[in-house]
PDB file of N, CA and C in Angstrom:
ATOM      1  N   MET A   1      69.915 -88.454   0.283  1.00  0.00           N
ATOM      2  CA  MET A   1      68.724 -88.221  -0.546  1.00  0.00           C
ATOM      3  C   MET A   1      68.722 -86.497  -0.753  1.00  0.00           C
ATOM      4  N   ALA A   2      68.938 -86.244   0.252  1.00  0.00           N
ATOM      5  CA  ALA A   2      68.664 -84.597   0.072  1.00  0.00           C
ATOM      6  C   ALA A   2      69.634 -84.023  -0.714  1.00  0.00           C
ATOM      7  N   GLY A   3      70.980 -84.468  -0.608  1.00  0.00           N
ATOM      8  CA  GLY A   3      72.173 -84.187  -1.071  1.00  0.00           C
ATOM      9  C   GLY A   3      71.701 -84.239  -2.853  1.00  0.00           C
ATOM     10  N   ARG A   4      71.244 -85.415  -3.179  1.00  0.00           N
ATOM     11  CA  ARG A   4      70.769 -85.714  -4.858  1.00  0.00           C
ATOM     12  C   ARG A   4      69.875 -84.633  -5.369  1.00  0.00           C
ATOM     13  N   ALA A   5      68.977 -84.353  -4.430  1.00  0.00           N
ATOM     14  CA  ALA A   5      67.908 -83.293  -4.994  1.00  0.00           C
ATOM     15  C   ALA A   5      68.737 -82.070  -4.919  1.00  0.00           C
ATOM     16  N   TRP A   6      69.495 -81.415  -3.865  1.00  0.00           N
ATOM     17  CA  TRP A   6      70.214 -80.062  -4.528  1.00  0.00           C
ATOM     18  C   TRP A   6      71.035 -80.358  -5.268  1.00  0.00           C
ATOM     19  N   ILE A   7      71.510 -81.337  -5.801  1.00  0.00           N
ATOM     20  CA  ILE A   7      72.572 -81.470  -7.038  1.00  0.00           C
ATOM     21  C   ILE A   7      71.699 -81.361  -8.384  1.00  0.00           C
ATOM     22  N   ARG A   8      70.278 -81.989  -8.472  1.00  0.00           N
ATOM     23  CA  ARG A   8      69.497 -81.551  -9.310  1.00  0.00           C
ATOM     24  C   ARG A   8      68.697 -80.462  -9.448  1.00  0.00           C
ATOM     25  N   GLN A   9      68.513 -80.325  -8.484  1.00  0.00           N
ATOM     26  CA  GLN A   9      68.018 -78.188  -8.303  1.00  0.00           C
ATOM     27  C   GLN A   9      69.249 -77.458  -8.907  1.00  0.00           C
ATOM     28  N   TRP A  10      70.533 -77.897  -8.612  1.00  0.00           N
ATOM     29  CA  TRP A  10      71.571 -77.570  -9.209  1.00  0.00           C
ATOM     30  C   TRP A  10      71.681 -77.216 -10.601  1.00  0.00           C
ATOM     31  N   ARG A  11      71.514 -78.410 -11.008  1.00  0.00           N
ATOM     32  CA  ARG A  11      71.742 -78.434 -12.410  1.00  0.00           C
ATOM     33  C   ARG A  11      70.557 -77.851 -13.211  1.00  0.00           C
ATOM     34  N   ASP A  12      69.153 -78.057 -12.815  1.00  0.00           N
ATOM     35  CA  ASP A  12      68.787 -77.522 -13.486  1.00  0.00           C
ATOM     36  C   ASP A  12      68.482 -75.544 -13.616  1.00  0.00           C
ATOM     37  N   ASN A  13      68.980 -75.282 -12.303  1.00  0.00           N
ATOM     38  CA  ASN A  13      68.948 -73.869 -12.356  1.00  0.00           C
ATOM     39  C   ASN A  13      70.054 -73.582 -13.433  1.00  0.00           C
ATOM     40  N   ARG A  14      71.330 -74.009 -13.468  1.00  0.00           N
ATOM     41  CA  ARG A  14      72.660 -73.601 -14.445  1.00  0.00           C
ATOM     42  C   ARG A  14      71.737 -73.689 -15.952  1.00  0.00           C
ATOM     43  N   ARG A  15      71.209 -74.660 -16.206  1.00  0.00           N
ATOM     44  CA  ARG A  15      70.825 -74.998 -17.441  1.00  0.00           C
ATOM     45  C   ARG A  15      69.506 -73.542 -17.744  1.00  0.00           C
ATOM     46  N   ALA A  16      68.752 -73.398 -16.892  1.00  0.00           N
ATOM     47  CA  ALA A  16      68.210 -72.125 -16.951  1.00  0.00           C
ATOM     48  C   ALA A  16      69.142 -70.759 -17.232  1.00  0.00           C
ATOM     49  N   TRP A  17      69.848 -70.828 -16.307  1.00  0.00           N
ATOM     50  CA  TRP A  17      70.949 -69.711 -16.755  1.00  0.00           C
ATOM     51  C   TRP A  17      71.823 -69.485 -17.911  1.00  0.00           C
ATOM     52  N   ARG A  18      71.807 -70.639 -18.595  1.00  0.00           N
ATOM     53  CA  ARG A  18      72.937 -70.582 -19.724  1.00  0.00           C
ATOM     54  C   ARG A  18      71.569 -70.507 -20.673  1.00  0.00           C
ATOM     55  N   GLN A  19      70.353 -71.083 -20.662  1.00  0.00           N
ATOM     56  CA  GLN A  19      69.599 -70.666 -21.765  1.00  0.00           C
ATOM     57  C   GLN A  19      69.337 -69.321 -22.169  1.00  0.00           C
ATOM     58  N   LEU A  20      69.019 -68.530 -20.676  1.00  0.00           N
ATOM     59  CA  LEU A  20      68.769 -67.083 -20.499  1.00  0.00           C
ATOM     60  C   LEU A  20      70.379 -66.160 -20.995  1.00  0.00           C
ATOM     61  N   ALA A  21      71.401 -66.929 -21.108  1.00  0.00           N
ATOM     62  CA  ALA A  21      72.536 -66.384 -21.300  1.00  0.00           C
ATOM     63  C   ALA A  21      72.616 -65.958 -22.752  1.00  0.00           C
ATOM     64  N   VAL A  22      72.015 -66.964 -23.306  1.00  0.00           N
ATOM     65  CA  VAL A  22      72.125 -66.959 -25.173  1.00  0.00           C
ATOM     66  C   VAL A  22      71.023 -66.125 -25.861  1.00  0.00           C
ATOM     67  N   MET A  23      70.048 -65.451 -24.911  1.00  0.00           N
ATOM     68  CA  MET A  23      68.846 -65.070 -25.766  1.00  0.00           C
ATOM     69  C   MET A  23      69.281 -63.352 -26.121  1.00  0.00           C
ATOM     70  N   SER A  24      68.669 -63.072 -27.091  1.00  0.00           N
ATOM     71  CA  SER A  24      68.974 -61.814 -27.361  1.00  0.00           C
ATOM     72  C   SER A  24      68.756 -60.745 -26.431  1.00  0.00           C
ATOM     73  N   GLU A  25      68.918 -59.423 -26.748  1.00  0.00           N
ATOM     74  CA  GLU A  25      68.752 -58.414 -25.706  1.00  0.00           C
ATOM     75  C   GLU A  25      66.965 -58.169 -25.657  1.00  0.00           C
ATOM     76  N   ARG A  26      66.796 -58.201 -26.985  1.00  0.00           N
ATOM     77  CA  ARG A  26      65.021 -58.102 -27.405  1.00  0.00           C
ATOM     78  C   ARG A  26      64.037 -59.238 -26.424  1.00  0.00           C
ATOM     79  N   GLU A  27      64.791 -60.159 -26.588  1.00  0.00           N
ATOM     80  CA  GLU A  27      63.906 -61.245 -25.830  1.00  0.00           C
ATOM     81  C   GLU A  27      64.092 -61.447 -24.095  1.00  0.00           C
ATOM     82  N   LEU A  28      65.178 -60.857 -23.596  1.00  0.00           N
ATOM     83  CA  LEU A  28      65.291 -60.518 -22.343  1.00  0.00           C
ATOM     84  C   LEU A  28      64.530 -59.685 -22.304  1.00  0.00           C
ATOM     85  N   GLN A  29      64.404 -58.336 -23.042  1.00  0.00           N
ATOM     86  CA  GLN A  29      63.659 -57.360 -22.559  1.00  0.00           C
ATOM     87  C   GLN A  29      62.205 -57.922 -22.750  1.00  0.00           C
ATOM     88  N   ASP A  30      61.868 -58.576 -23.407  1.00  0.00           N
ATOM     89  CA  ASP A  30      60.417 -59.131 -23.276  1.00  0.00           C
ATOM     90  C   ASP A  30      59.832 -59.612 -22.170  1.00  0.00           C
ATOM     91  N   ILE A  31      61.000 -60.323 -21.190  1.00  0.00           N
ATOM     92  CA  ILE A  31      60.518 -60.936 -20.361  1.00  0.00           C
ATOM     93  C   ILE A  31      61.022 -60.144 -19.096  1.00  0.00           C
ATOM     94  N   SER A  32      61.727 -59.036 -19.306  1.00  0.00           N
ATOM     95  CA  SER A  32      62.008 -58.272 -18.240  1.00  0.00           C
ATOM     96  C   SER A  32      63.331 -58.571 -17.302  1.00  0.00           C
ATOM     97  N   VAL A  33      64.224 -59.079 -18.197  1.00  0.00           N
ATOM     98  CA  VAL A  33      65.306 -59.396 -17.350  1.00  0.00           C
ATOM     99  C   VAL A  33      66.510 -58.761 -18.005  1.00  0.00           C
ATOM    100  N   CYS A  34      67.563 -58.473 -17.166  1.00  0.00           N
ATOM    101  CA  CYS A  34      68.902 -57.883 -17.941  1.00  0.00           C
ATOM    102  C   CYS A  34      69.840 -58.901 -17.583  1.00  0.00           C
ATOM    103  N   ARG A  35      70.859 -58.515 -18.425  1.00  0.00           N
ATOM    104  CA  ARG A  35      72.199 -59.434 -18.403  1.00  0.00           C
ATOM    105  C   ARG A  35      72.861 -59.482 -16.902  1.00  0.00           C
ATOM    106  N   VAL A  36      72.564 -58.275 -15.899  1.00  0.00           N
ATOM    107  CA  VAL A  36      73.107 -58.077 -14.752  1.00  0.00           C
ATOM    108  C   VAL A  36      72.659 -59.192 -13.703  1.00  0.00           C
ATOM    109  N   ASP A  37      71.239 -59.236 -14.362  1.00  0.00           N
ATOM    110  CA  ASP A  37      70.358 -60.283 -13.078  1.00  0.00           C
ATOM    111  C   ASP A  37      70.851 -61.693 -13.376  1.00  0.00           C
ATOM    112  N   ILE A  38      71.113 -62.070 -14.908  1.00  0.00           N
ATOM    113  CA  ILE A  38      71.403 -63.216 -15.231  1.00  0.00           C
ATOM    114  C   ILE A  38      72.890 -63.691 -14.781  1.00  0.00           C
ATOM    115  N   ALA A  39      73.854 -62.697 -14.573  1.00  0.00           N
ATOM    116  CA  ALA A  39      75.231 -62.969 -14.002  1.00  0.00           C
ATOM    117  C   ALA A  39      75.126 -63.000 -12.323  1.00  0.00           C
ATOM    118  N   HIS A  40      74.245 -62.004 -11.901  1.00  0.00           N
ATOM    119  CA  HIS A  40      74.360 -62.510 -10.630  1.00  0.00           C
ATOM    120  C   HIS A  40      73.506 -63.595 -10.131  1.00  0.00           C
ATOM    121  N   HIS A  41      72.378 -64.036 -10.554  1.00  0.00           N
ATOM    122  CA  HIS A  41      71.777 -65.077 -10.328  1.00  0.00           C
ATOM    123  C   HIS A  41      72.235 -66.590 -10.730  1.00  0.00           C
ATOM    124  N   GLY A  42      73.359 -66.184 -11.543  1.00  0.00           N
ATOM    125  CA  GLY A  42      73.882 -67.378 -11.975  1.00  0.00           C
ATOM    126  C   GLY A  42      75.126 -67.799 -11.239  1.00  0.00           C
ATOM    127  N   ARG A  43      75.588 -66.914 -10.106  1.00  0.00           N
ATOM    128  CA  ARG A  43      76.604 -67.154  -9.482  1.00  0.00           C
ATOM    129  C   ARG A  43      76.642 -67.406  -7.883  1.00  0.00           C
ATOM    130  N   CYS A  44      74.889 -66.971  -7.861  1.00  0.00           N
ATOM    131  CA  CYS A  44      74.699 -66.761  -6.238  1.00  0.00           C
ATOM    132  C   CYS A  44      73.587 -67.504  -6.173  1.00  0.00           C
ATOM    133  N   ASP A  45      73.141 -68.470  -5.330  1.00  0.00           N
ATOM    134  CA  ASP A  45      71.666 -68.557  -5.226  1.00  0.00           C
ATOM    135  C   ASP A  45      71.672 -69.136  -3.448  1.00  0.00           C
ATOM    136  N   ASN A  46      70.654 -68.647  -2.877  1.00  0.00           N
ATOM    137  CA  ASN A  46      70.543 -68.533  -1.148  1.00  0.00           C
ATOM    138  C   ASN A  46      72.043 -68.159  -0.272  1.00  0.00           C
ATOM    139  N   GLY A  47      72.502 -67.338  -0.679  1.00  0.00           N
ATOM    140  CA  GLY A  47      73.845 -66.964  -0.265  1.00  0.00           C
ATOM    141  C   GLY A  47      74.836 -67.984  -0.296  1.00  0.00           C
ATOM    142  N   ARG A  48      75.028 -68.665  -1.226  1.00  0.00           N
ATOM    143  CA  ARG A  48      75.859 -69.673  -1.697  1.00  0.00           C
ATOM    144  C   ARG A  48      76.477 -69.286  -2.911  1.00  0.00           C
ATOM    145  N   LEU A  49      77.446 -69.171  -3.201  1.00  0.00           N
ATOM    146  CA  LEU A  49      78.443 -69.118  -4.532  1.00  0.00           C
ATOM    147  C   LEU A  49      78.432 -70.346  -5.271  1.00  0.00           C
ATOM    148  N   TYR A  50      78.059 -70.036  -6.600  1.00  0.00           N
ATOM    149  CA  TYR A  50      78.425 -71.283  -7.695  1.00  0.00           C
ATOM    150  C   TYR A  50      79.391 -70.875  -8.533  1.00  0.00           C
ATOM    151  N   TRP A  51      80.029 -71.917  -8.990  1.00  0.00           N
ATOM    152  CA  TRP A  51      81.099 -71.822 -10.088  1.00  0.00           C
ATOM    153  C   TRP A  51      80.027 -70.573 -11.427  1.00  0.00           C
ATOM    154  N   PRO A  52      81.203 -70.033 -11.870  1.00  0.00           N
ATOM    155  CA  PRO A  52      80.435 -69.455 -13.023  1.00  0.00           C
ATOM    156  C   PRO A  52      80.157 -70.034 -14.041  1.00  0.00           C
ATOM    157  N   PRO A  53      78.997 -69.463 -14.616  1.00  0.00           N
ATOM    158  CA  PRO A  53      77.757 -70.659 -15.620  1.00  0.00           C
ATOM    159  C   PRO A  53      79.197 -70.279 -16.840  1.00  0.00           C
TER     160      PRO A  53
END
């Protein structure tokens, strides 16, 4: 069961990263996020590397 929860969370995170990746620079600036933050967090979570988004 724990494995399924981890996979669900991983999918939710990837979906969020993809949504951030398509936002305009102005939209990202409004929420205080930059492209470098998206790239970093999209590939790494809790020390584990993910496949690139």
